[in-house]
Amino acid sequence: MSLPLYCVIFDRDPVSRAAEVAASFVDRKDLDLQLMKDHISAELAAPMQRVSEILDFEHATEDQLREFLREFRISLQNLESGSRIAGQP
């Protein structure tokens, strides 16, 4: 979860960048995106930590960061689905 969060560490409105950050991750072959989505889903469903304490965020609140993760996960899923469809003959 820290990788997408790092992208918004200084943002006042991280939620507005969720789709942009997801787009920067979708083609990365060095990451297990399914595992990332699973960890995010698990944390959002049953919080085990304060997301705002993962990194030293300048402006974003806990609620904003959780919403960012939710939107990031949804955007990533949508982008991956679109990539699979686009890659089909």
N, C-alpha and C. Protein backbone atom coordinates (compact mmCIF):
# COMPACT_ATOMS: atom_id res chain seq x y z
N MET A 1 0.81 -1.20 0.00
CA MET A 1 0.00 0.00 0.00
C MET A 1 0.85 1.26 0.00
N SER A 2 2.06 1.15 0.45
CA SER A 2 2.88 2.36 0.56
C SER A 2 3.27 2.94 -0.80
N LEU A 3 3.40 2.11 -1.83
CA LEU A 3 3.82 2.64 -3.14
C LEU A 3 2.82 3.64 -3.72
N PRO A 4 1.53 3.32 -3.82
CA PRO A 4 0.62 4.34 -4.33
C PRO A 4 0.49 5.53 -3.37
N LEU A 5 0.56 5.28 -2.09
CA LEU A 5 0.47 6.37 -1.12
C LEU A 5 1.65 7.33 -1.25
N TYR A 6 2.83 6.79 -1.54
CA TYR A 6 4.01 7.65 -1.69
C TYR A 6 3.80 8.69 -2.80
N CYS A 7 3.06 8.33 -3.82
CA CYS A 7 2.82 9.24 -4.94
C CYS A 7 2.03 10.49 -4.54
N VAL A 8 1.35 10.43 -3.40
CA VAL A 8 0.51 11.57 -2.97
C VAL A 8 0.93 12.11 -1.61
N ILE A 9 2.16 11.86 -1.23
CA ILE A 9 2.63 12.21 0.11
C ILE A 9 2.53 13.72 0.41
N PHE A 10 2.64 14.56 -0.62
CA PHE A 10 2.59 16.00 -0.41
C PHE A 10 1.28 16.64 -0.88
N ASP A 11 0.36 15.83 -1.36
CA ASP A 11 -0.88 16.36 -1.94
C ASP A 11 -1.89 16.79 -0.87
N ARG A 12 -2.58 17.88 -1.15
CA ARG A 12 -3.67 18.33 -0.27
C ARG A 12 -4.95 17.57 -0.57
N ASP A 13 -5.10 17.10 -1.82
CA ASP A 13 -6.29 16.37 -2.24
C ASP A 13 -5.87 15.10 -2.99
N PRO A 14 -5.44 14.08 -2.26
CA PRO A 14 -4.93 12.88 -2.92
C PRO A 14 -5.99 12.15 -3.75
N VAL A 15 -7.25 12.25 -3.35
CA VAL A 15 -8.31 11.53 -4.06
C VAL A 15 -8.38 11.96 -5.52
N SER A 16 -8.15 13.23 -5.77
CA SER A 16 -8.23 13.75 -7.14
C SER A 16 -7.16 13.15 -8.05
N ARG A 17 -6.14 12.54 -7.48
CA ARG A 17 -5.05 11.96 -8.29
C ARG A 17 -5.08 10.44 -8.36
N ALA A 18 -6.12 9.83 -7.81
CA ALA A 18 -6.17 8.37 -7.75
C ALA A 18 -6.08 7.72 -9.13
N ALA A 19 -6.85 8.21 -10.09
CA ALA A 19 -6.84 7.62 -11.43
C ALA A 19 -5.48 7.82 -12.10
N GLU A 20 -4.90 8.98 -11.92
CA GLU A 20 -3.57 9.27 -12.50
C GLU A 20 -2.51 8.33 -11.93
N VAL A 21 -2.53 8.14 -10.62
CA VAL A 21 -1.55 7.26 -9.98
C VAL A 21 -1.78 5.82 -10.44
N ALA A 22 -3.03 5.40 -10.52
CA ALA A 22 -3.34 4.04 -10.99
C ALA A 22 -2.80 3.84 -12.41
N ALA A 23 -2.98 4.83 -13.26
CA ALA A 23 -2.50 4.73 -14.64
C ALA A 23 -0.98 4.55 -14.68
N SER A 24 -0.28 5.13 -13.73
CA SER A 24 1.18 5.00 -13.71
C SER A 24 1.62 3.61 -13.23
N PHE A 25 0.71 2.86 -12.62
CA PHE A 25 1.03 1.53 -12.10
C PHE A 25 0.60 0.41 -13.05
N VAL A 26 -0.39 0.65 -13.88
CA VAL A 26 -1.06 -0.44 -14.60
C VAL A 26 -0.14 -1.25 -15.50
N ASP A 27 0.86 -0.65 -16.09
CA ASP A 27 1.76 -1.38 -17.00
C ASP A 27 3.06 -1.84 -16.34
N ARG A 28 3.18 -1.66 -15.06
CA ARG A 28 4.42 -2.07 -14.37
C ARG A 28 4.44 -3.58 -14.21
N LYS A 29 5.44 -4.18 -14.79
CA LYS A 29 5.58 -5.64 -14.72
C LYS A 29 6.32 -6.08 -13.46
N ASP A 30 6.93 -5.13 -12.76
CA ASP A 30 7.71 -5.46 -11.57
C ASP A 30 6.87 -5.52 -10.31
N LEU A 31 5.55 -5.27 -10.43
CA LEU A 31 4.67 -5.26 -9.26
C LEU A 31 3.58 -6.33 -9.40
N ASP A 32 3.21 -6.91 -8.29
CA ASP A 32 2.07 -7.83 -8.28
C ASP A 32 0.84 -6.98 -7.96
N LEU A 33 0.19 -6.50 -9.02
CA LEU A 33 -0.94 -5.59 -8.83
C LEU A 33 -2.12 -6.27 -8.17
N GLN A 34 -2.31 -7.56 -8.42
CA GLN A 34 -3.42 -8.25 -7.76
C GLN A 34 -3.19 -8.30 -6.25
N LEU A 35 -1.97 -8.59 -5.86
CA LEU A 35 -1.65 -8.61 -4.43
C LEU A 35 -1.84 -7.22 -3.82
N MET A 36 -1.44 -6.19 -4.53
CA MET A 36 -1.62 -4.82 -4.06
C MET A 36 -3.11 -4.51 -3.88
N LYS A 37 -3.92 -4.88 -4.87
CA LYS A 37 -5.36 -4.64 -4.76
C LYS A 37 -5.96 -5.44 -3.61
N ASP A 38 -5.49 -6.67 -3.42
CA ASP A 38 -5.99 -7.50 -2.32
C ASP A 38 -5.66 -6.89 -0.97
N HIS A 39 -4.44 -6.39 -0.81
CA HIS A 39 -4.04 -5.76 0.46
C HIS A 39 -4.86 -4.50 0.72
N ILE A 40 -5.07 -3.71 -0.30
CA ILE A 40 -5.86 -2.49 -0.16
C ILE A 40 -7.30 -2.85 0.22
N SER A 41 -7.87 -3.82 -0.48
CA SER A 41 -9.25 -4.24 -0.18
C SER A 41 -9.38 -4.74 1.25
N ALA A 42 -8.42 -5.54 1.69
CA ALA A 42 -8.45 -6.07 3.04
C ALA A 42 -8.36 -4.96 4.08
N GLU A 43 -7.48 -4.01 3.85
CA GLU A 43 -7.32 -2.89 4.79
C GLU A 43 -8.58 -2.03 4.84
N LEU A 44 -9.18 -1.80 3.69
CA LEU A 44 -10.39 -0.97 3.67
C LEU A 44 -11.57 -1.69 4.31
N ALA A 45 -11.64 -3.01 4.15
CA ALA A 45 -12.75 -3.79 4.71
C ALA A 45 -12.62 -3.96 6.23
N ALA A 46 -11.40 -4.14 6.70
CA ALA A 46 -11.16 -4.37 8.13
C ALA A 46 -9.86 -3.65 8.51
N PRO A 47 -9.96 -2.34 8.79
CA PRO A 47 -8.76 -1.55 9.09
C PRO A 47 -7.91 -2.16 10.22
N MET A 48 -6.62 -2.27 9.93
CA MET A 48 -5.69 -2.81 10.92
C MET A 48 -4.62 -1.79 11.32
N GLN A 49 -4.61 -0.66 10.61
CA GLN A 49 -3.60 0.35 10.89
C GLN A 49 -4.12 1.71 10.46
N ARG A 50 -3.48 2.75 10.94
CA ARG A 50 -3.79 4.09 10.45
C ARG A 50 -2.96 4.30 9.18
N VAL A 51 -3.64 4.41 8.07
CA VAL A 51 -2.97 4.58 6.79
C VAL A 51 -2.10 5.84 6.81
N SER A 52 -2.56 6.85 7.51
CA SER A 52 -1.83 8.12 7.57
C SER A 52 -0.49 7.99 8.30
N GLU A 53 -0.26 6.87 8.98
CA GLU A 53 1.00 6.66 9.68
C GLU A 53 2.00 5.82 8.87
N ILE A 54 1.59 5.36 7.70
CA ILE A 54 2.48 4.55 6.87
C ILE A 54 3.65 5.41 6.38
N LEU A 55 3.34 6.63 5.98
CA LEU A 55 4.36 7.60 5.55
C LEU A 55 4.10 8.91 6.29
N ASP A 56 5.01 9.83 6.17
CA ASP A 56 4.88 11.12 6.84
C ASP A 56 4.16 12.11 5.92
N PHE A 57 2.84 12.02 5.91
CA PHE A 57 2.04 12.84 5.00
C PHE A 57 2.01 14.29 5.46
N GLU A 58 2.13 15.19 4.51
CA GLU A 58 2.16 16.62 4.79
C GLU A 58 0.77 17.19 5.07
N HIS A 59 -0.24 16.77 4.28
CA HIS A 59 -1.53 17.44 4.35
C HIS A 59 -2.73 16.51 4.47
N ALA A 60 -2.70 15.37 3.85
CA ALA A 60 -3.87 14.50 3.75
C ALA A 60 -4.27 13.90 5.09
N THR A 61 -5.58 13.77 5.25
CA THR A 61 -6.12 13.17 6.47
C THR A 61 -6.28 11.66 6.27
N GLU A 62 -6.54 10.96 7.36
CA GLU A 62 -6.79 9.52 7.31
C GLU A 62 -7.94 9.20 6.35
N ASP A 63 -9.02 9.94 6.46
CA ASP A 63 -10.18 9.70 5.60
C ASP A 63 -9.85 9.93 4.13
N GLN A 64 -9.11 10.98 3.84
CA GLN A 64 -8.72 11.26 2.46
C GLN A 64 -7.84 10.14 1.90
N LEU A 65 -6.93 9.64 2.70
CA LEU A 65 -6.03 8.60 2.24
C LEU A 65 -6.76 7.28 2.02
N ARG A 66 -7.70 6.97 2.87
CA ARG A 66 -8.51 5.76 2.67
C ARG A 66 -9.36 5.89 1.41
N GLU A 67 -9.91 7.06 1.19
CA GLU A 67 -10.70 7.28 -0.03
C GLU A 67 -9.79 7.21 -1.26
N PHE A 68 -8.59 7.75 -1.15
CA PHE A 68 -7.63 7.64 -2.25
C PHE A 68 -7.36 6.18 -2.57
N LEU A 69 -7.10 5.36 -1.55
CA LEU A 69 -6.83 3.95 -1.79
C LEU A 69 -8.02 3.25 -2.44
N ARG A 70 -9.21 3.58 -2.00
CA ARG A 70 -10.42 3.00 -2.59
C ARG A 70 -10.51 3.37 -4.07
N GLU A 71 -10.34 4.64 -4.37
CA GLU A 71 -10.42 5.11 -5.76
C GLU A 71 -9.26 4.57 -6.60
N PHE A 72 -8.09 4.49 -6.02
CA PHE A 72 -6.93 3.92 -6.71
C PHE A 72 -7.22 2.48 -7.11
N ARG A 73 -7.73 1.69 -6.18
CA ARG A 73 -8.04 0.28 -6.45
C ARG A 73 -9.08 0.15 -7.56
N ILE A 74 -10.12 0.94 -7.49
CA ILE A 74 -11.16 0.91 -8.52
C ILE A 74 -10.58 1.31 -9.87
N SER A 75 -9.81 2.38 -9.90
CA SER A 75 -9.20 2.85 -11.15
C SER A 75 -8.26 1.81 -11.73
N LEU A 76 -7.46 1.21 -10.87
CA LEU A 76 -6.53 0.18 -11.33
C LEU A 76 -7.29 -0.99 -11.94
N GLN A 77 -8.34 -1.42 -11.27
CA GLN A 77 -9.16 -2.52 -11.78
C GLN A 77 -9.76 -2.16 -13.15
N ASN A 78 -10.30 -0.96 -13.26
CA ASN A 78 -10.89 -0.52 -14.53
C ASN A 78 -9.84 -0.44 -15.64
N LEU A 79 -8.68 0.07 -15.31
CA LEU A 79 -7.61 0.17 -16.32
C LEU A 79 -7.13 -1.21 -16.76
N GLU A 80 -6.99 -2.12 -15.82
CA GLU A 80 -6.56 -3.48 -16.17
C GLU A 80 -7.61 -4.16 -17.04
N SER A 81 -8.87 -3.98 -16.73
CA SER A 81 -9.94 -4.56 -17.54
C SER A 81 -9.91 -4.00 -18.94
N GLY A 82 -9.70 -2.70 -19.05
CA GLY A 82 -9.62 -2.06 -20.36
C GLY A 82 -8.41 -2.52 -21.15
N SER A 83 -7.29 -2.75 -20.47
CA SER A 83 -6.08 -3.24 -21.15
C SER A 83 -6.30 -4.63 -21.71
N ARG A 84 -6.97 -5.48 -20.94
CA ARG A 84 -7.24 -6.85 -21.42
C ARG A 84 -8.18 -6.82 -22.62
N ILE A 85 -9.19 -5.97 -22.55
CA ILE A 85 -10.14 -5.87 -23.66
C ILE A 85 -9.44 -5.31 -24.89
N ALA A 86 -8.65 -4.26 -24.70
CA ALA A 86 -7.96 -3.63 -25.83
C ALA A 86 -6.95 -4.60 -26.46
N GLY A 87 -6.36 -5.46 -25.66
CA GLY A 87 -5.36 -6.39 -26.18
C GLY A 87 -5.96 -7.61 -26.87
N GLN A 88 -7.27 -7.78 -26.80
CA GLN A 88 -7.91 -8.91 -27.45
C GLN A 88 -8.13 -8.61 -28.93
N PRO A 89 -8.05 -9.66 -29.74
CA PRO A 89 -8.26 -9.44 -31.19
C PRO A 89 -9.70 -9.08 -31.52
